[in-house]
Amino acid sequence: MDIYRDPELDFTDIGLLTWLLSNSRTYIINKNRVQQRSGLPEKKFLTSWKKLQDNGYVVKKPFQGGVEWVINEIPICYRLHDR
């Protein structure tokens, strides 16, 4: 599915996800820095981030001493559904 055709996402979500996907694979995601860079008000950013998580585009992987954020162009829920 194309990101822009996902009915669950609005323009803010698509913009945020597009920016996240445009970074190199070695980019270390710091959620607070991403929020600052986005220029979005905190509540709007957190709502969009949560929506991306709920739809499988952004996945939080905790590890000892931190968190890794994995960004998926194809959402996890679609991958599981297509099996």
PDB file of N, CA and C in Angstrom:
ATOM      1  N   MET A   1       0.845  -1.183   0.000  1.00  0.00           N
ATOM      2  CA  MET A   1       0.000   0.000   0.000  1.00  0.00           C
ATOM      3  C   MET A   1       0.886   1.240   0.000  1.00  0.00           C
ATOM      4  N   ASP A   2       0.490   2.215  -0.778  1.00  0.00           N
ATOM      5  CA  ASP A   2       1.188   3.497  -0.773  1.00  0.00           C
ATOM      6  C   ASP A   2       0.821   4.255   0.481  1.00  0.00           C
ATOM      7  N   ILE A   3       1.800   4.887   1.085  1.00  0.00           N
ATOM      8  CA  ILE A   3       1.582   5.626   2.333  1.00  0.00           C
ATOM      9  C   ILE A   3       0.488   6.672   2.158  1.00  0.00           C
ATOM     10  N   TYR A   4       0.538   7.392   1.053  1.00  0.00           N
ATOM     11  CA  TYR A   4      -0.422   8.473   0.857  1.00  0.00           C
ATOM     12  C   TYR A   4      -1.846   7.976   0.616  1.00  0.00           C
ATOM     13  N   ARG A   5      -2.015   6.692   0.363  1.00  0.00           N
ATOM     14  CA  ARG A   5      -3.356   6.130   0.160  1.00  0.00           C
ATOM     15  C   ARG A   5      -3.919   5.479   1.416  1.00  0.00           C
ATOM     16  N   ASP A   6      -3.149   5.424   2.472  1.00  0.00           N
ATOM     17  CA  ASP A   6      -3.613   4.810   3.715  1.00  0.00           C
ATOM     18  C   ASP A   6      -4.680   5.725   4.326  1.00  0.00           C
ATOM     19  N   PRO A   7      -5.915   5.252   4.418  1.00  0.00           N
ATOM     20  CA  PRO A   7      -7.000   6.095   4.929  1.00  0.00           C
ATOM     21  C   PRO A   7      -6.859   6.432   6.415  1.00  0.00           C
ATOM     22  N   GLU A   8      -5.987   5.728   7.126  1.00  0.00           N
ATOM     23  CA  GLU A   8      -5.775   5.982   8.548  1.00  0.00           C
ATOM     24  C   GLU A   8      -4.891   7.204   8.798  1.00  0.00           C
ATOM     25  N   LEU A   9      -4.150   7.638   7.774  1.00  0.00           N
ATOM     26  CA  LEU A   9      -3.180   8.715   7.946  1.00  0.00           C
ATOM     27  C   LEU A   9      -3.686  10.030   7.358  1.00  0.00           C
ATOM     28  N   ASP A  10      -3.419  11.122   8.068  1.00  0.00           N
ATOM     29  CA  ASP A  10      -3.711  12.449   7.522  1.00  0.00           C
ATOM     30  C   ASP A  10      -2.399  13.051   7.016  1.00  0.00           C
ATOM     31  N   PHE A  11      -2.459  14.275   6.512  1.00  0.00           N
ATOM     32  CA  PHE A  11      -1.263  14.899   5.933  1.00  0.00           C
ATOM     33  C   PHE A  11      -0.135  15.059   6.950  1.00  0.00           C
ATOM     34  N   THR A  12      -0.469  15.346   8.187  1.00  0.00           N
ATOM     35  CA  THR A  12       0.563  15.482   9.220  1.00  0.00           C
ATOM     36  C   THR A  12       1.284  14.158   9.420  1.00  0.00           C
ATOM     37  N   ASP A  13       0.524  13.071   9.512  1.00  0.00           N
ATOM     38  CA  ASP A  13       1.111  11.739   9.698  1.00  0.00           C
ATOM     39  C   ASP A  13       1.994  11.362   8.515  1.00  0.00           C
ATOM     40  N   ILE A  14       1.501  11.618   7.325  1.00  0.00           N
ATOM     41  CA  ILE A  14       2.252  11.291   6.110  1.00  0.00           C
ATOM     42  C   ILE A  14       3.549  12.098   6.052  1.00  0.00           C
ATOM     43  N   GLY A  15       3.482  13.373   6.394  1.00  0.00           N
ATOM     44  CA  GLY A  15       4.677  14.216   6.389  1.00  0.00           C
ATOM     45  C   GLY A  15       5.718  13.733   7.387  1.00  0.00           C
ATOM     46  N   LEU A  16       5.269  13.411   8.587  1.00  0.00           N
ATOM     47  CA  LEU A  16       6.174  12.922   9.620  1.00  0.00           C
ATOM     48  C   LEU A  16       6.810  11.603   9.198  1.00  0.00           C
ATOM     49  N   LEU A  17       5.998  10.683   8.691  1.00  0.00           N
ATOM     50  CA  LEU A  17       6.515   9.390   8.256  1.00  0.00           C
ATOM     51  C   LEU A  17       7.471   9.542   7.076  1.00  0.00           C
ATOM     52  N   THR A  18       7.144  10.413   6.141  1.00  0.00           N
ATOM     53  CA  THR A  18       8.025  10.650   4.994  1.00  0.00           C
ATOM     54  C   THR A  18       9.375  11.174   5.456  1.00  0.00           C
ATOM     55  N   TRP A  19       9.364  12.099   6.418  1.00  0.00           N
ATOM     56  CA  TRP A  19      10.626  12.621   6.931  1.00  0.00           C
ATOM     57  C   TRP A  19      11.432  11.516   7.616  1.00  0.00           C
ATOM     58  N   LEU A  20      10.765  10.699   8.420  1.00  0.00           N
ATOM     59  CA  LEU A  20      11.460   9.606   9.110  1.00  0.00           C
ATOM     60  C   LEU A  20      12.077   8.635   8.104  1.00  0.00           C
ATOM     61  N   LEU A  21      11.340   8.306   7.052  1.00  0.00           N
ATOM     62  CA  LEU A  21      11.832   7.370   6.042  1.00  0.00           C
ATOM     63  C   LEU A  21      12.955   7.968   5.195  1.00  0.00           C
ATOM     64  N   SER A  22      13.031   9.291   5.119  1.00  0.00           N
ATOM     65  CA  SER A  22      14.041   9.927   4.270  1.00  0.00           C
ATOM     66  C   SER A  22      15.435   9.927   4.897  1.00  0.00           C
ATOM     67  N   ASN A  23      15.530   9.599   6.163  1.00  0.00           N
ATOM     68  CA  ASN A  23      16.835   9.551   6.829  1.00  0.00           C
ATOM     69  C   ASN A  23      17.560   8.259   6.492  1.00  0.00           C
ATOM     70  N   SER A  24      18.879   8.281   6.654  1.00  0.00           N
ATOM     71  CA  SER A  24      19.658   7.076   6.378  1.00  0.00           C
ATOM     72  C   SER A  24      19.359   6.007   7.430  1.00  0.00           C
ATOM     73  N   ARG A  25      19.700   4.780   7.104  1.00  0.00           N
ATOM     74  CA  ARG A  25      19.457   3.663   8.027  1.00  0.00           C
ATOM     75  C   ARG A  25      20.268   3.813   9.318  1.00  0.00           C
ATOM     76  N   THR A  26      21.325   4.585   9.271  1.00  0.00           N
ATOM     77  CA  THR A  26      22.176   4.751  10.447  1.00  0.00           C
ATOM     78  C   THR A  26      21.705   5.888  11.352  1.00  0.00           C
ATOM     79  N   TYR A  27      20.690   6.631  10.917  1.00  0.00           N
ATOM     80  CA  TYR A  27      20.173   7.738  11.716  1.00  0.00           C
ATOM     81  C   TYR A  27      19.567   7.201  13.014  1.00  0.00           C
ATOM     82  N   ILE A  28      19.988   7.746  14.127  1.00  0.00           N
ATOM     83  CA  ILE A  28      19.459   7.329  15.426  1.00  0.00           C
ATOM     84  C   ILE A  28      18.310   8.263  15.787  1.00  0.00           C
ATOM     85  N   ILE A  29      17.137   7.693  15.929  1.00  0.00           N
ATOM     86  CA  ILE A  29      15.937   8.487  16.160  1.00  0.00           C
ATOM     87  C   ILE A  29      15.817   8.850  17.632  1.00  0.00           C
ATOM     88  N   ASN A  30      15.771  10.145  17.875  1.00  0.00           N
ATOM     89  CA  ASN A  30      15.504  10.684  19.197  1.00  0.00           C
ATOM     90  C   ASN A  30      14.146  11.376  19.073  1.00  0.00           C
ATOM     91  N   LYS A  31      13.139  10.786  19.692  1.00  0.00           N
ATOM     92  CA  LYS A  31      11.762  11.259  19.537  1.00  0.00           C
ATOM     93  C   LYS A  31      11.621  12.742  19.878  1.00  0.00           C
ATOM     94  N   ASN A  32      12.274  13.200  20.930  1.00  0.00           N
ATOM     95  CA  ASN A  32      12.185  14.609  21.315  1.00  0.00           C
ATOM     96  C   ASN A  32      12.783  15.528  20.244  1.00  0.00           C
ATOM     97  N   ARG A  33      13.892  15.112  19.665  1.00  0.00           N
ATOM     98  CA  ARG A  33      14.515  15.917  18.604  1.00  0.00           C
ATOM     99  C   ARG A  33      13.647  15.938  17.353  1.00  0.00           C
ATOM    100  N   VAL A  34      13.037  14.799  17.053  1.00  0.00           N
ATOM    101  CA  VAL A  34      12.143  14.745  15.890  1.00  0.00           C
ATOM    102  C   VAL A  34      10.976  15.702  16.102  1.00  0.00           C
ATOM    103  N   GLN A  35      10.436  15.733  17.305  1.00  0.00           N
ATOM    104  CA  GLN A  35       9.319  16.634  17.609  1.00  0.00           C
ATOM    105  C   GLN A  35       9.752  18.085  17.435  1.00  0.00           C
ATOM    106  N   GLN A  36      10.934  18.427  17.933  1.00  0.00           N
ATOM    107  CA  GLN A  36      11.438  19.794  17.782  1.00  0.00           C
ATOM    108  C   GLN A  36      11.628  20.137  16.305  1.00  0.00           C
ATOM    109  N   ARG A  37      12.212  19.211  15.581  1.00  0.00           N
ATOM    110  CA  ARG A  37      12.485  19.428  14.142  1.00  0.00           C
ATOM    111  C   ARG A  37      11.193  19.569  13.352  1.00  0.00           C
ATOM    112  N   SER A  38      10.158  18.850  13.757  1.00  0.00           N
ATOM    113  CA  SER A  38       8.890  18.875  13.022  1.00  0.00           C
ATOM    114  C   SER A  38       8.208  20.240  13.096  1.00  0.00           C
ATOM    115  N   GLY A  39       8.447  20.954  14.182  1.00  0.00           N
ATOM    116  CA  GLY A  39       7.788  22.236  14.355  1.00  0.00           C
ATOM    117  C   GLY A  39       6.328  22.121  14.761  1.00  0.00           C
ATOM    118  N   LEU A  40       5.882  20.898  14.998  1.00  0.00           N
ATOM    119  CA  LEU A  40       4.493  20.669  15.411  1.00  0.00           C
ATOM    120  C   LEU A  40       4.335  20.937  16.902  1.00  0.00           C
ATOM    121  N   PRO A  41       3.169  21.401  17.310  1.00  0.00           N
ATOM    122  CA  PRO A  41       2.909  21.498  18.744  1.00  0.00           C
ATOM    123  C   PRO A  41       3.006  20.092  19.357  1.00  0.00           C
ATOM    124  N   GLU A  42       3.420  20.028  20.606  1.00  0.00           N
ATOM    125  CA  GLU A  42       3.680  18.734  21.245  1.00  0.00           C
ATOM    126  C   GLU A  42       2.484  17.784  21.160  1.00  0.00           C
ATOM    127  N   LYS A  43       1.296  18.272  21.461  1.00  0.00           N
ATOM    128  CA  LYS A  43       0.112  17.399  21.449  1.00  0.00           C
ATOM    129  C   LYS A  43      -0.146  16.832  20.056  1.00  0.00           C
ATOM    130  N   LYS A  44      -0.034  17.666  19.032  1.00  0.00           N
ATOM    131  CA  LYS A  44      -0.266  17.212  17.658  1.00  0.00           C
ATOM    132  C   LYS A  44       0.801  16.194  17.249  1.00  0.00           C
ATOM    133  N   PHE A  45       2.062  16.459  17.614  1.00  0.00           N
ATOM    134  CA  PHE A  45       3.137  15.524  17.302  1.00  0.00           C
ATOM    135  C   PHE A  45       2.891  14.166  17.973  1.00  0.00           C
ATOM    136  N   LEU A  46       2.581  14.190  19.272  1.00  0.00           N
ATOM    137  CA  LEU A  46       2.373  12.937  20.004  1.00  0.00           C
ATOM    138  C   LEU A  46       1.182  12.156  19.465  1.00  0.00           C
ATOM    139  N   THR A  47       0.139  12.856  19.052  1.00  0.00           N
ATOM    140  CA  THR A  47      -1.027  12.196  18.453  1.00  0.00           C
ATOM    141  C   THR A  47      -0.632  11.507  17.151  1.00  0.00           C
ATOM    142  N   SER A  48       0.131  12.206  16.328  1.00  0.00           N
ATOM    143  CA  SER A  48       0.568  11.653  15.056  1.00  0.00           C
ATOM    144  C   SER A  48       1.522  10.476  15.271  1.00  0.00           C
ATOM    145  N   TRP A  49       2.465  10.628  16.189  1.00  0.00           N
ATOM    146  CA  TRP A  49       3.425   9.562  16.493  1.00  0.00           C
ATOM    147  C   TRP A  49       2.688   8.305  16.959  1.00  0.00           C
ATOM    148  N   LYS A  50       1.702   8.487  17.836  1.00  0.00           N
ATOM    149  CA  LYS A  50       0.911   7.355  18.352  1.00  0.00           C
ATOM    150  C   LYS A  50       0.151   6.674  17.221  1.00  0.00           C
ATOM    151  N   LYS A  51      -0.410   7.471  16.319  1.00  0.00           N
ATOM    152  CA  LYS A  51      -1.144   6.911  15.189  1.00  0.00           C
ATOM    153  C   LYS A  51      -0.214   6.078  14.305  1.00  0.00           C
ATOM    154  N   LEU A  52       1.005   6.579  14.081  1.00  0.00           N
ATOM    155  CA  LEU A  52       1.978   5.824  13.291  1.00  0.00           C
ATOM    156  C   LEU A  52       2.357   4.523  13.999  1.00  0.00           C
ATOM    157  N   GLN A  53       2.456   4.560  15.314  1.00  0.00           N
ATOM    158  CA  GLN A  53       2.730   3.338  16.083  1.00  0.00           C
ATOM    159  C   GLN A  53       1.548   2.372  15.995  1.00  0.00           C
ATOM    160  N   ASP A  54       0.359   2.871  16.223  1.00  0.00           N
ATOM    161  CA  ASP A  54      -0.839   2.025  16.213  1.00  0.00           C
ATOM    162  C   ASP A  54      -1.055   1.343  14.869  1.00  0.00           C
ATOM    163  N   ASN A  55      -0.598   1.986  13.801  1.00  0.00           N
ATOM    164  CA  ASN A  55      -0.778   1.441  12.456  1.00  0.00           C
ATOM    165  C   ASN A  55       0.432   0.664  11.948  1.00  0.00           C
ATOM    166  N   GLY A  56       1.450   0.470  12.801  1.00  0.00           N
ATOM    167  CA  GLY A  56       2.581  -0.379  12.461  1.00  0.00           C
ATOM    168  C   GLY A  56       3.690   0.274  11.658  1.00  0.00           C
ATOM    169  N   TYR A  57       3.632   1.582  11.479  1.00  0.00           N
ATOM    170  CA  TYR A  57       4.698   2.272  10.749  1.00  0.00           C
ATOM    171  C   TYR A  57       5.901   2.564  11.640  1.00  0.00           C
ATOM    172  N   VAL A  58       5.658   2.841  12.897  1.00  0.00           N
ATOM    173  CA  VAL A  58       6.719   3.120  13.866  1.00  0.00           C
ATOM    174  C   VAL A  58       6.614   2.068  14.969  1.00  0.00           C
ATOM    175  N   VAL A  59       7.709   1.360  15.193  1.00  0.00           N
ATOM    176  CA  VAL A  59       7.721   0.277  16.180  1.00  0.00           C
ATOM    177  C   VAL A  59       8.786   0.572  17.223  1.00  0.00           C
ATOM    178  N   LYS A  60       8.374   0.485  18.476  1.00  0.00           N
ATOM    179  CA  LYS A  60       9.277   0.724  19.599  1.00  0.00           C
ATOM    180  C   LYS A  60       9.858  -0.611  20.056  1.00  0.00           C
ATOM    181  N   LYS A  61      11.193  -0.699  20.057  1.00  0.00           N
ATOM    182  CA  LYS A  61      11.874  -1.912  20.491  1.00  0.00           C
ATOM    183  C   LYS A  61      12.762  -1.572  21.685  1.00  0.00           C
ATOM    184  N   PRO A  62      12.264  -1.839  22.902  1.00  0.00           N
ATOM    185  CA  PRO A  62      13.077  -1.553  24.082  1.00  0.00           C
ATOM    186  C   PRO A  62      14.270  -2.511  24.178  1.00  0.00           C
ATOM    187  N   PHE A  63      15.350  -1.999  24.682  1.00  0.00           N
ATOM    188  CA  PHE A  63      16.503  -2.841  25.009  1.00  0.00           C
ATOM    189  C   PHE A  63      17.103  -2.297  26.290  1.00  0.00           C
ATOM    190  N   GLN A  64      17.990  -3.053  26.889  1.00  0.00           N
ATOM    191  CA  GLN A  64      18.557  -2.646  28.163  1.00  0.00           C
ATOM    192  C   GLN A  64      19.224  -1.280  28.031  1.00  0.00           C
ATOM    193  N   GLY A  65      18.686  -0.316  28.742  1.00  0.00           N
ATOM    194  CA  GLY A  65      19.270   1.020  28.745  1.00  0.00           C
ATOM    195  C   GLY A  65      18.734   1.961  27.680  1.00  0.00           C
ATOM    196  N   GLY A  66      17.728   1.545  26.926  1.00  0.00           N
ATOM    197  CA  GLY A  66      17.236   2.467  25.906  1.00  0.00           C
ATOM    198  C   GLY A  66      16.100   1.902  25.080  1.00  0.00           C
ATOM    199  N   VAL A  67      15.859   2.589  23.981  1.00  0.00           N
ATOM    200  CA  VAL A  67      14.786   2.226  23.062  1.00  0.00           C
ATOM    201  C   VAL A  67      15.292   2.404  21.642  1.00  0.00           C
ATOM    202  N   GLU A  68      14.927   1.479  20.785  1.00  0.00           N
ATOM    203  CA  GLU A  68      15.219   1.611  19.358  1.00  0.00           C
ATOM    204  C   GLU A  68      13.891   1.811  18.651  1.00  0.00           C
ATOM    205  N   TRP A  69      13.824   2.792  17.751  1.00  0.00           N
ATOM    206  CA  TRP A  69      12.629   3.031  16.953  1.00  0.00           C
ATOM    207  C   TRP A  69      12.880   2.473  15.560  1.00  0.00           C
ATOM    208  N   VAL A  70      11.985   1.616  15.110  1.00  0.00           N
ATOM    209  CA  VAL A  70      12.084   1.040  13.773  1.00  0.00           C
ATOM    210  C   VAL A  70      10.974   1.657  12.925  1.00  0.00           C
ATOM    211  N   ILE A  71      11.344   2.181  11.769  1.00  0.00           N
ATOM    212  CA  ILE A  71      10.396   2.826  10.868  1.00  0.00           C
ATOM    213  C   ILE A  71      10.153   1.891   9.690  1.00  0.00           C
ATOM    214  N   ASN A  72       8.880   1.601   9.423  1.00  0.00           N
ATOM    215  CA  ASN A  72       8.502   0.688   8.355  1.00  0.00           C
ATOM    216  C   ASN A  72       7.728   1.420   7.265  1.00  0.00           C
ATOM    217  N   GLU A  73       8.168   1.255   6.032  1.00  0.00           N
ATOM    218  CA  GLU A  73       7.428   1.840   4.911  1.00  0.00           C
ATOM    219  C   GLU A  73       6.137   1.062   4.688  1.00  0.00           C
ATOM    220  N   ILE A  74       6.204  -0.237   4.902  1.00  0.00           N
ATOM    221  CA  ILE A  74       5.017  -1.090   4.836  1.00  0.00           C
ATOM    222  C   ILE A  74       4.677  -1.438   6.280  1.00  0.00           C
ATOM    223  N   PRO A  75       3.497  -1.049   6.737  1.00  0.00           N
ATOM    224  CA  PRO A  75       3.176  -1.245   8.157  1.00  0.00           C
ATOM    225  C   PRO A  75       3.137  -2.706   8.564  1.00  0.00           C
ATOM    226  N   ILE A  76       3.512  -2.958   9.799  1.00  0.00           N
ATOM    227  CA  ILE A  76       3.546  -4.312  10.347  1.00  0.00           C
ATOM    228  C   ILE A  76       2.195  -5.009  10.189  1.00  0.00           C
ATOM    229  N   CYS A  77       1.099  -4.306  10.466  1.00  0.00           N
ATOM    230  CA  CYS A  77      -0.224  -4.932  10.404  1.00  0.00           C
ATOM    231  C   CYS A  77      -0.519  -5.453   9.000  1.00  0.00           C
ATOM    232  N   TYR A  78      -0.036  -4.785   7.945  1.00  0.00           N
ATOM    233  CA  TYR A  78      -0.239  -5.264   6.593  1.00  0.00           C
ATOM    234  C   TYR A  78       0.590  -6.505   6.325  1.00  0.00           C
ATOM    235  N   ARG A  79       1.804  -6.530   6.872  1.00  0.00           N
ATOM    236  CA  ARG A  79       2.658  -7.695   6.688  1.00  0.00           C
ATOM    237  C   ARG A  79       2.032  -8.917   7.326  1.00  0.00           C
ATOM    238  N   LEU A  80       1.483  -8.751   8.517  1.00  0.00           N
ATOM    239  CA  LEU A  80       0.856  -9.882   9.210  1.00  0.00           C
ATOM    240  C   LEU A  80      -0.429 -10.298   8.517  1.00  0.00           C
ATOM    241  N   HIS A  81      -1.181  -9.335   8.010  1.00  0.00           N
ATOM    242  CA  HIS A  81      -2.448  -9.610   7.345  1.00  0.00           C
ATOM    243  C   HIS A  81      -2.256 -10.351   6.038  1.00  0.00           C
ATOM    244  N   ASP A  82      -1.162 -10.071   5.317  1.00  0.00           N
ATOM    245  CA  ASP A  82      -0.923 -10.654   4.007  1.00  0.00           C
ATOM    246  C   ASP A  82      -0.422 -12.084   4.078  1.00  0.00           C
ATOM    247  N   ARG A  83      -0.093 -12.586   5.261  1.00  0.00           N
ATOM    248  CA  ARG A  83       0.455 -13.953   5.368  1.00  0.00           C
ATOM    249  C   ARG A  83      -0.600 -14.992   5.113  1.00  0.00           C
TER     250      ARG A  83
END
